[in-house]
């Protein structure tokens, strides 16, 4: 068993490896970590590279994959790629939920038979409040897409990212996701992190290595401590959570991350277990 596999088994390292598939997006959300928008540089990892990383991740002893962006579903090959990734390790793919055409939904149908989830962003139970942060018509498109995914057997997870939410609004939101076919176990509420575009709007909580789980995250720019690490502000990549510029072979950044984690003093586990 490799040192990484032992660390994952013993809970020293989280089991998931994150892949930043791209950085461009059809939206420009107020709190976006990567300042993504339609005109942003694509910075794609690419299909072959993601498959190679996934294969090495399982060989090293990692137990799951995460795919994020940008909006990953802007990549034309993504539905079939997710099925291939799920054939290697269980995968969750993050999405804003607004680009699910009928054709794309049909191409996702094979995921129903695989260990795969699509995590869709839905922040508020009413359109105006939700769309204020995410853009016009976001709410309508998301609540239309979720049941269509569920009908095809695709497991959907809902992520709510907010500055604050009171009990009454939370219950309205939970009632909504239950009606859409998503159970409570697949709904997470997490804080805005003060990185990326959130900095300009004075939103979110500060988060560094002491706050974030050490989830190995691979981008075109290098390997990072967390999926909250390769953020962009003022058009420039943040490198405070950069581990190595080397991403392949994956064992290089994996070993570097493990060394950093093992060097932490006892009792310094992450305080913000953001999912």
C-alpha atoms as a PDB file:
ATOM      1  CA  UNK A   1       0.000   0.000   0.000  1.00  0.00           C
ATOM      2  CA  UNK A   2       1.349   3.428  -0.955  1.00  0.00           C
ATOM      3  CA  UNK A   3       1.889   6.197   1.642  1.00  0.00           C
ATOM      4  CA  UNK A   4      -1.004   8.102   0.056  1.00  0.00           C
ATOM      5  CA  UNK A   5      -3.296   5.062   0.290  1.00  0.00           C
ATOM      6  CA  UNK A   6      -2.360   4.625   3.954  1.00  0.00           C
ATOM      7  CA  UNK A   7      -3.014   8.317   4.625  1.00  0.00           C
ATOM      8  CA  UNK A   8      -6.436   8.117   2.965  1.00  0.00           C
ATOM      9  CA  UNK A   9      -7.281   4.909   4.840  1.00  0.00           C
ATOM     10  CA  UNK A  10      -6.278   6.484   8.162  1.00  0.00           C
ATOM     11  CA  UNK A  11      -8.137   9.745   7.518  1.00  0.00           C
ATOM     12  CA  UNK A  12      -4.951  11.796   7.300  1.00  0.00           C
ATOM     13  CA  UNK A  13      -5.745  12.813   3.701  1.00  0.00           C
ATOM     14  CA  UNK A  14      -9.228  13.206   2.209  1.00  0.00           C
ATOM     15  CA  UNK A  15      -9.883  10.634  -0.498  1.00  0.00           C
ATOM     16  CA  UNK A  16     -11.114  12.979  -3.224  1.00  0.00           C
ATOM     17  CA  UNK A  17      -8.976  14.517  -5.971  1.00  0.00           C
ATOM     18  CA  UNK A  18     -10.449  17.614  -7.621  1.00  0.00           C
ATOM     19  CA  UNK A  19      -9.991  18.428 -11.308  1.00  0.00           C
ATOM     20  CA  UNK A  20     -10.574  21.972 -12.579  1.00  0.00           C
ATOM     21  CA  UNK A  21     -11.934  21.072 -15.996  1.00  0.00           C
ATOM     22  CA  UNK A  22     -12.052  24.688 -17.214  1.00  0.00           C
ATOM     23  CA  UNK A  23     -12.350  28.297 -16.072  1.00  0.00           C
ATOM     24  CA  UNK A  24     -14.893  29.818 -18.468  1.00  0.00           C
ATOM     25  CA  UNK A  25     -18.599  30.030 -17.619  1.00  0.00           C
ATOM     26  CA  UNK A  26     -21.868  31.279 -19.035  1.00  0.00           C
ATOM     27  CA  UNK A  27     -22.511  33.172 -15.764  1.00  0.00           C
ATOM     28  CA  UNK A  28     -20.610  35.783 -13.740  1.00  0.00           C
ATOM     29  CA  UNK A  29     -21.740  35.139 -10.160  1.00  0.00           C
ATOM     30  CA  UNK A  30     -21.106  37.765  -7.510  1.00  0.00           C
ATOM     31  CA  UNK A  31     -19.099  35.421  -5.287  1.00  0.00           C
ATOM     32  CA  UNK A  32     -17.332  33.345  -7.962  1.00  0.00           C
ATOM     33  CA  UNK A  33     -13.994  32.012  -6.729  1.00  0.00           C
ATOM     34  CA  UNK A  34     -12.386  32.099 -10.169  1.00  0.00           C
ATOM     35  CA  UNK A  35     -13.869  35.303 -11.632  1.00  0.00           C
ATOM     36  CA  UNK A  36     -15.355  33.110 -14.349  1.00  0.00           C
ATOM     37  CA  UNK A  37     -17.533  34.657 -17.056  1.00  0.00           C
ATOM     38  CA  UNK A  38     -18.268  33.969 -20.739  1.00  0.00           C
ATOM     39  CA  UNK A  39     -15.115  35.713 -21.946  1.00  0.00           C
ATOM     40  CA  UNK A  40     -12.722  34.140 -19.440  1.00  0.00           C
ATOM     41  CA  UNK A  41      -9.798  32.080 -20.693  1.00  0.00           C
ATOM     42  CA  UNK A  42     -10.855  28.442 -21.017  1.00  0.00           C
ATOM     43  CA  UNK A  43      -7.747  26.912 -19.375  1.00  0.00           C
ATOM     44  CA  UNK A  44      -8.992  23.368 -19.972  1.00  0.00           C
ATOM     45  CA  UNK A  45      -7.320  20.350 -18.444  1.00  0.00           C
ATOM     46  CA  UNK A  46      -8.529  18.332 -21.407  1.00  0.00           C
ATOM     47  CA  UNK A  47     -10.167  14.946 -21.709  1.00  0.00           C
ATOM     48  CA  UNK A  48      -7.044  12.787 -22.012  1.00  0.00           C
ATOM     49  CA  UNK A  49      -5.289  14.488 -19.134  1.00  0.00           C
ATOM     50  CA  UNK A  50      -8.292  14.146 -16.828  1.00  0.00           C
ATOM     51  CA  UNK A  51      -8.573  10.439 -17.602  1.00  0.00           C
ATOM     52  CA  UNK A  52      -4.866   9.929 -16.973  1.00  0.00           C
ATOM     53  CA  UNK A  53      -5.082  11.804 -13.668  1.00  0.00           C
ATOM     54  CA  UNK A  54      -8.086   9.735 -12.615  1.00  0.00           C
ATOM     55  CA  UNK A  55      -6.300   6.491 -13.417  1.00  0.00           C
ATOM     56  CA  UNK A  56      -3.250   7.501 -11.426  1.00  0.00           C
ATOM     57  CA  UNK A  57      -5.449   8.719  -8.554  1.00  0.00           C
ATOM     58  CA  UNK A  58      -6.968   5.269  -8.126  1.00  0.00           C
ATOM     59  CA  UNK A  59      -3.558   3.604  -8.398  1.00  0.00           C
ATOM     60  CA  UNK A  60      -2.225   5.881  -5.641  1.00  0.00           C
ATOM     61  CA  UNK A  61      -5.124   5.016  -3.342  1.00  0.00           C
ATOM     62  CA  UNK A  62      -7.464   7.979  -3.689  1.00  0.00           C
ATOM     63  CA  UNK A  63     -11.115   6.994  -3.509  1.00  0.00           C
ATOM     64  CA  UNK A  64     -13.137   9.646  -5.349  1.00  0.00           C
ATOM     65  CA  UNK A  65     -13.010  12.428  -7.929  1.00  0.00           C
ATOM     66  CA  UNK A  66     -14.501  15.900  -8.150  1.00  0.00           C
ATOM     67  CA  UNK A  67     -14.881  17.897 -11.366  1.00  0.00           C
ATOM     68  CA  UNK A  68     -15.374  21.645 -11.203  1.00  0.00           C
ATOM     69  CA  UNK A  69     -14.794  24.868 -13.172  1.00  0.00           C
ATOM     70  CA  UNK A  70     -15.897  27.360 -14.569  1.00  0.00           C
ATOM     71  CA  UNK A  71     -18.961  25.603 -15.878  1.00  0.00           C
ATOM     72  CA  UNK A  72     -17.767  22.115 -16.832  1.00  0.00           C
ATOM     73  CA  UNK A  73     -20.823  21.404 -18.991  1.00  0.00           C
ATOM     74  CA  UNK A  74     -19.681  24.010 -21.499  1.00  0.00           C
ATOM     75  CA  UNK A  75     -17.154  21.384 -22.566  1.00  0.00           C
ATOM     76  CA  UNK A  76     -18.778  19.393 -25.386  1.00  0.00           C
ATOM     77  CA  UNK A  77     -17.191  16.082 -24.365  1.00  0.00           C
ATOM     78  CA  UNK A  78     -18.133  16.247 -20.674  1.00  0.00           C
ATOM     79  CA  UNK A  79     -21.150  13.865 -20.467  1.00  0.00           C
ATOM     80  CA  UNK A  80     -19.210  10.951 -21.934  1.00  0.00           C
ATOM     81  CA  UNK A  81     -16.090  11.898 -19.971  1.00  0.00           C
ATOM     82  CA  UNK A  82     -18.015  11.780 -16.688  1.00  0.00           C
ATOM     83  CA  UNK A  83     -19.154   8.250 -17.479  1.00  0.00           C
ATOM     84  CA  UNK A  84     -15.563   7.194 -18.166  1.00  0.00           C
ATOM     85  CA  UNK A  85     -14.327   8.882 -14.979  1.00  0.00           C
ATOM     86  CA  UNK A  86     -17.071   7.184 -12.960  1.00  0.00           C
ATOM     87  CA  UNK A  87     -15.819   3.882 -14.332  1.00  0.00           C
ATOM     88  CA  UNK A  88     -12.526   4.605 -12.586  1.00  0.00           C
ATOM     89  CA  UNK A  89     -13.644   6.250  -9.321  1.00  0.00           C
ATOM     90  CA  UNK A  90     -16.901   7.685  -7.947  1.00  0.00           C
ATOM     91  CA  UNK A  91     -17.275  11.230  -9.247  1.00  0.00           C
ATOM     92  CA  UNK A  92     -19.193  14.388  -8.401  1.00  0.00           C
ATOM     93  CA  UNK A  93     -19.395  17.168 -10.987  1.00  0.00           C
ATOM     94  CA  UNK A  94     -20.288  20.727 -10.005  1.00  0.00           C
ATOM     95  CA  UNK A  95     -22.584  22.732 -12.275  1.00  0.00           C
ATOM     96  CA  UNK A  96     -24.622  25.931 -12.256  1.00  0.00           C
ATOM     97  CA  UNK A  97     -27.473  23.902 -13.740  1.00  0.00           C
ATOM     98  CA  UNK A  98     -28.353  26.303 -16.559  1.00  0.00           C
ATOM     99  CA  UNK A  99     -26.999  24.588 -19.677  1.00  0.00           C
ATOM    100  CA  UNK A 100     -28.877  21.266 -19.604  1.00  0.00           C
ATOM    101  CA  UNK A 101     -30.459  21.054 -23.021  1.00  0.00           C
ATOM    102  CA  UNK A 102     -32.598  18.026 -23.852  1.00  0.00           C
ATOM    103  CA  UNK A 103     -29.765  16.512 -25.877  1.00  0.00           C
ATOM    104  CA  UNK A 104     -27.261  17.000 -23.084  1.00  0.00           C
ATOM    105  CA  UNK A 105     -29.663  15.487 -20.555  1.00  0.00           C
ATOM    106  CA  UNK A 106     -30.041  12.386 -22.705  1.00  0.00           C
ATOM    107  CA  UNK A 107     -26.268  12.052 -22.954  1.00  0.00           C
ATOM    108  CA  UNK A 108     -26.137  12.040 -19.143  1.00  0.00           C
ATOM    109  CA  UNK A 109     -28.580   9.135 -18.824  1.00  0.00           C
ATOM    110  CA  UNK A 110     -25.773   6.506 -18.499  1.00  0.00           C
ATOM    111  CA  UNK A 111     -24.708   8.137 -15.222  1.00  0.00           C
ATOM    112  CA  UNK A 112     -27.790   6.615 -13.591  1.00  0.00           C
ATOM    113  CA  UNK A 113     -25.993   3.254 -13.582  1.00  0.00           C
ATOM    114  CA  UNK A 114     -22.679   4.636 -12.332  1.00  0.00           C
ATOM    115  CA  UNK A 115     -21.296   6.098  -9.066  1.00  0.00           C
ATOM    116  CA  UNK A 116     -21.792   9.677 -10.248  1.00  0.00           C
ATOM    117  CA  UNK A 117     -23.498  12.800  -8.931  1.00  0.00           C
ATOM    118  CA  UNK A 118     -24.133  16.232 -10.356  1.00  0.00           C
ATOM    119  CA  UNK A 119     -23.967  18.992  -7.768  1.00  0.00           C
ATOM    120  CA  UNK A 120     -26.159  21.926  -8.794  1.00  0.00           C
ATOM    121  CA  UNK A 121     -26.061  25.389  -7.231  1.00  0.00           C
ATOM    122  CA  UNK A 122     -29.333  26.709  -5.779  1.00  0.00           C
ATOM    123  CA  UNK A 123     -28.930  29.427  -3.176  1.00  0.00           C
ATOM    124  CA  UNK A 124     -32.383  30.781  -2.341  1.00  0.00           C
ATOM    125  CA  UNK A 125     -35.982  29.515  -2.433  1.00  0.00           C
ATOM    126  CA  UNK A 126     -37.286  32.502  -4.452  1.00  0.00           C
ATOM    127  CA  UNK A 127     -36.165  33.711  -7.885  1.00  0.00           C
ATOM    128  CA  UNK A 128     -35.345  37.342  -7.113  1.00  0.00           C
ATOM    129  CA  UNK A 129     -33.089  36.590  -4.142  1.00  0.00           C
ATOM    130  CA  UNK A 130     -31.361  33.702  -5.923  1.00  0.00           C
ATOM    131  CA  UNK A 131     -30.813  35.571  -9.182  1.00  0.00           C
ATOM    132  CA  UNK A 132     -29.427  38.678  -7.472  1.00  0.00           C
ATOM    133  CA  UNK A 133     -26.155  36.802  -6.924  1.00  0.00           C
ATOM    134  CA  UNK A 134     -26.202  34.443  -9.897  1.00  0.00           C
ATOM    135  CA  UNK A 135     -27.855  36.264 -12.796  1.00  0.00           C
ATOM    136  CA  UNK A 136     -31.231  36.630 -14.555  1.00  0.00           C
ATOM    137  CA  UNK A 137     -33.315  33.476 -15.117  1.00  0.00           C
ATOM    138  CA  UNK A 138     -30.886  31.334 -13.100  1.00  0.00           C
ATOM    139  CA  UNK A 139     -33.557  30.120 -10.675  1.00  0.00           C
ATOM    140  CA  UNK A 140     -36.007  29.186 -13.432  1.00  0.00           C
ATOM    141  CA  UNK A 141     -33.420  27.200 -15.370  1.00  0.00           C
ATOM    142  CA  UNK A 142     -32.158  25.356 -12.291  1.00  0.00           C
ATOM    143  CA  UNK A 143     -35.567  24.295 -10.978  1.00  0.00           C
ATOM    144  CA  UNK A 144     -36.418  23.124 -14.489  1.00  0.00           C
ATOM    145  CA  UNK A 145     -33.213  21.094 -14.869  1.00  0.00           C
ATOM    146  CA  UNK A 146     -33.109  19.305 -11.520  1.00  0.00           C
ATOM    147  CA  UNK A 147     -36.269  17.162 -11.897  1.00  0.00           C
ATOM    148  CA  UNK A 148     -35.309  16.348 -15.493  1.00  0.00           C
ATOM    149  CA  UNK A 149     -32.003  14.959 -14.232  1.00  0.00           C
ATOM    150  CA  UNK A 150     -33.773  13.068 -11.449  1.00  0.00           C
ATOM    151  CA  UNK A 151     -36.267  11.589 -13.912  1.00  0.00           C
ATOM    152  CA  UNK A 152     -33.344  10.087 -15.835  1.00  0.00           C
ATOM    153  CA  UNK A 153     -32.016   8.464 -12.692  1.00  0.00           C
ATOM    154  CA  UNK A 154     -29.074  10.835 -12.301  1.00  0.00           C
ATOM    155  CA  UNK A 155     -28.293  11.537  -8.666  1.00  0.00           C
ATOM    156  CA  UNK A 156     -28.450  15.268  -7.956  1.00  0.00           C
ATOM    157  CA  UNK A 157     -26.898  17.046  -5.027  1.00  0.00           C
ATOM    158  CA  UNK A 158     -27.806  20.678  -4.282  1.00  0.00           C
ATOM    159  CA  UNK A 159     -25.240  23.143  -2.942  1.00  0.00           C
ATOM    160  CA  UNK A 160     -26.430  26.339  -1.312  1.00  0.00           C
ATOM    161  CA  UNK A 161     -23.730  29.000  -0.980  1.00  0.00           C
ATOM    162  CA  UNK A 162     -24.817  31.970   1.115  1.00  0.00           C
ATOM    163  CA  UNK A 163     -23.584  34.763   3.334  1.00  0.00           C
ATOM    164  CA  UNK A 164     -26.351  33.940   5.811  1.00  0.00           C
ATOM    165  CA  UNK A 165     -29.725  32.191   5.840  1.00  0.00           C
ATOM    166  CA  UNK A 166     -32.364  32.168   8.576  1.00  0.00           C
ATOM    167  CA  UNK A 167     -34.363  29.160   9.711  1.00  0.00           C
ATOM    168  CA  UNK A 168     -37.546  30.167   7.883  1.00  0.00           C
ATOM    169  CA  UNK A 169     -35.807  30.681   4.551  1.00  0.00           C
ATOM    170  CA  UNK A 170     -33.839  27.465   5.010  1.00  0.00           C
ATOM    171  CA  UNK A 171     -37.049  25.519   5.510  1.00  0.00           C
ATOM    172  CA  UNK A 172     -38.578  27.043   2.353  1.00  0.00           C
ATOM    173  CA  UNK A 173     -35.449  26.074   0.447  1.00  0.00           C
ATOM    174  CA  UNK A 174     -35.509  22.533   1.815  1.00  0.00           C
ATOM    175  CA  UNK A 175     -39.174  22.223   0.923  1.00  0.00           C
ATOM    176  CA  UNK A 176     -38.299  23.271  -2.616  1.00  0.00           C
ATOM    177  CA  UNK A 177     -35.474  20.781  -3.109  1.00  0.00           C
ATOM    178  CA  UNK A 178     -37.637  17.965  -1.705  1.00  0.00           C
ATOM    179  CA  UNK A 179     -40.351  18.801  -4.256  1.00  0.00           C
ATOM    180  CA  UNK A 180     -37.707  18.738  -6.984  1.00  0.00           C
ATOM    181  CA  UNK A 181     -36.782  15.195  -5.965  1.00  0.00           C
ATOM    182  CA  UNK A 182     -33.600  15.845  -3.967  1.00  0.00           C
ATOM    183  CA  UNK A 183     -33.547  14.441  -0.396  1.00  0.00           C
ATOM    184  CA  UNK A 184     -32.101  16.244   2.610  1.00  0.00           C
ATOM    185  CA  UNK A 185     -29.026  14.002   2.566  1.00  0.00           C
ATOM    186  CA  UNK A 186     -28.082  15.491  -0.814  1.00  0.00           C
ATOM    187  CA  UNK A 187     -28.387  19.144   0.205  1.00  0.00           C
ATOM    188  CA  UNK A 188     -25.411  21.055   1.616  1.00  0.00           C
ATOM    189  CA  UNK A 189     -25.318  24.644   2.867  1.00  0.00           C
ATOM    190  CA  UNK A 190     -21.926  26.311   2.914  1.00  0.00           C
ATOM    191  CA  UNK A 191     -20.556  29.807   3.457  1.00  0.00           C
ATOM    192  CA  UNK A 192     -19.221  32.102   0.782  1.00  0.00           C
ATOM    193  CA  UNK A 193     -15.425  32.067   0.884  1.00  0.00           C
ATOM    194  CA  UNK A 194     -13.729  35.462   0.636  1.00  0.00           C
ATOM    195  CA  UNK A 195     -11.696  34.742  -2.462  1.00  0.00           C
ATOM    196  CA  UNK A 196     -12.137  35.657  -6.101  1.00  0.00           C
ATOM    197  CA  UNK A 197     -14.978  38.023  -6.935  1.00  0.00           C
ATOM    198  CA  UNK A 198     -16.353  37.843  -3.367  1.00  0.00           C
ATOM    199  CA  UNK A 199     -13.433  40.018  -2.224  1.00  0.00           C
ATOM    200  CA  UNK A 200     -14.658  42.936  -4.341  1.00  0.00           C
ATOM    201  CA  UNK A 201     -18.130  42.679  -2.829  1.00  0.00           C
ATOM    202  CA  UNK A 202     -17.005  42.318   0.791  1.00  0.00           C
ATOM    203  CA  UNK A 203     -18.568  38.873   1.048  1.00  0.00           C
ATOM    204  CA  UNK A 204     -17.601  35.656   2.767  1.00  0.00           C
ATOM    205  CA  UNK A 205     -15.311  34.203   5.369  1.00  0.00           C
ATOM    206  CA  UNK A 206     -11.527  34.155   5.201  1.00  0.00           C
ATOM    207  CA  UNK A 207     -10.135  30.686   4.579  1.00  0.00           C
ATOM    208  CA  UNK A 208      -6.578  29.372   4.468  1.00  0.00           C
ATOM    209  CA  UNK A 209      -4.887  25.995   4.947  1.00  0.00           C
ATOM    210  CA  UNK A 210      -5.902  25.903   8.602  1.00  0.00           C
ATOM    211  CA  UNK A 211      -9.552  26.229   7.590  1.00  0.00           C
ATOM    212  CA  UNK A 212      -9.862  24.007   4.521  1.00  0.00           C
ATOM    213  CA  UNK A 213      -9.556  20.218   4.177  1.00  0.00           C
ATOM    214  CA  UNK A 214      -6.430  19.248   2.238  1.00  0.00           C
ATOM    215  CA  UNK A 215      -8.132  17.972  -0.932  1.00  0.00           C
ATOM    216  CA  UNK A 216      -5.615  17.646  -3.751  1.00  0.00           C
ATOM    217  CA  UNK A 217      -6.774  19.917  -6.573  1.00  0.00           C
ATOM    218  CA  UNK A 218      -5.355  19.858 -10.098  1.00  0.00           C
ATOM    219  CA  UNK A 219      -5.550  22.737 -12.589  1.00  0.00           C
ATOM    220  CA  UNK A 220      -3.696  23.753 -15.734  1.00  0.00           C
ATOM    221  CA  UNK A 221      -1.602  26.025 -13.498  1.00  0.00           C
ATOM    222  CA  UNK A 222      -0.542  23.465 -10.916  1.00  0.00           C
ATOM    223  CA  UNK A 223      -1.661  21.499  -7.875  1.00  0.00           C
ATOM    224  CA  UNK A 224      -3.377  23.211  -4.948  1.00  0.00           C
ATOM    225  CA  UNK A 225      -4.284  22.501  -1.331  1.00  0.00           C
ATOM    226  CA  UNK A 226      -8.043  22.698  -1.903  1.00  0.00           C
ATOM    227  CA  UNK A 227     -10.633  23.390  -4.612  1.00  0.00           C
ATOM    228  CA  UNK A 228     -10.903  26.771  -2.888  1.00  0.00           C
ATOM    229  CA  UNK A 229      -7.218  27.361  -3.675  1.00  0.00           C
ATOM    230  CA  UNK A 230      -6.819  28.107  -7.422  1.00  0.00           C
ATOM    231  CA  UNK A 231      -8.883  31.260  -7.217  1.00  0.00           C
ATOM    232  CA  UNK A 232      -8.570  34.358  -9.371  1.00  0.00           C
ATOM    233  CA  UNK A 233      -8.743  37.990  -8.247  1.00  0.00           C
ATOM    234  CA  UNK A 234      -8.182  41.004 -10.435  1.00  0.00           C
ATOM    235  CA  UNK A 235      -7.488  38.644 -13.302  1.00  0.00           C
ATOM    236  CA  UNK A 236      -4.523  37.057 -11.516  1.00  0.00           C
ATOM    237  CA  UNK A 237      -4.240  33.530 -10.147  1.00  0.00           C
ATOM    238  CA  UNK A 238      -3.906  33.293  -6.357  1.00  0.00           C
ATOM    239  CA  UNK A 239      -0.912  31.124  -5.457  1.00  0.00           C
ATOM    240  CA  UNK A 240      -1.008  31.177  -1.651  1.00  0.00           C
ATOM    241  CA  UNK A 241      -2.446  27.633  -1.664  1.00  0.00           C
ATOM    242  CA  UNK A 242      -0.298  26.350  -4.542  1.00  0.00           C
ATOM    243  CA  UNK A 243       1.529  23.106  -3.685  1.00  0.00           C
ATOM    244  CA  UNK A 244       3.491  22.360  -6.867  1.00  0.00           C
ATOM    245  CA  UNK A 245       3.506  23.492 -10.468  1.00  0.00           C
ATOM    246  CA  UNK A 246       3.934  19.830 -11.379  1.00  0.00           C
ATOM    247  CA  UNK A 247       0.653  17.968 -11.860  1.00  0.00           C
ATOM    248  CA  UNK A 248       1.789  14.822 -13.659  1.00  0.00           C
ATOM    249  CA  UNK A 249       2.733  12.317 -12.539  1.00  0.00           C
ATOM    250  CA  UNK A 250       0.117  12.822  -9.837  1.00  0.00           C
ATOM    251  CA  UNK A 251       2.331  11.151  -7.246  1.00  0.00           C
ATOM    252  CA  UNK A 252       4.498  14.306  -7.148  1.00  0.00           C
ATOM    253  CA  UNK A 253       1.839  16.757  -5.873  1.00  0.00           C
ATOM    254  CA  UNK A 254       0.194  13.986  -3.827  1.00  0.00           C
ATOM    255  CA  UNK A 255       3.464  13.373  -1.956  1.00  0.00           C
ATOM    256  CA  UNK A 256       3.990  17.112  -1.494  1.00  0.00           C
ATOM    257  CA  UNK A 257       0.492  17.526  -0.048  1.00  0.00           C
ATOM    258  CA  UNK A 258       0.991  14.591   2.294  1.00  0.00           C
ATOM    259  CA  UNK A 259       4.249  16.099   3.592  1.00  0.00           C
ATOM    260  CA  UNK A 260       2.504  19.389   4.309  1.00  0.00           C
ATOM    261  CA  UNK A 261      -0.364  17.674   6.101  1.00  0.00           C
ATOM    262  CA  UNK A 262       1.930  15.505   8.212  1.00  0.00           C
ATOM    263  CA  UNK A 263       3.979  18.568   9.189  1.00  0.00           C
ATOM    264  CA  UNK A 264       0.990  20.274  10.807  1.00  0.00           C
ATOM    265  CA  UNK A 265       0.943  20.284  14.608  1.00  0.00           C
ATOM    266  CA  UNK A 266      -1.573  17.981  16.348  1.00  0.00           C
ATOM    267  CA  UNK A 267      -5.059  19.420  16.718  1.00  0.00           C
ATOM    268  CA  UNK A 268      -4.843  21.598  13.613  1.00  0.00           C
ATOM    269  CA  UNK A 269      -7.606  19.892  11.642  1.00  0.00           C
ATOM    270  CA  UNK A 270      -9.563  22.068   9.213  1.00  0.00           C
ATOM    271  CA  UNK A 271     -12.163  24.242  10.883  1.00  0.00           C
ATOM    272  CA  UNK A 272     -14.320  24.894   7.818  1.00  0.00           C
ATOM    273  CA  UNK A 273     -15.342  21.499   6.482  1.00  0.00           C
ATOM    274  CA  UNK A 274     -16.796  23.008   3.312  1.00  0.00           C
ATOM    275  CA  UNK A 275     -18.256  20.390   0.952  1.00  0.00           C
END
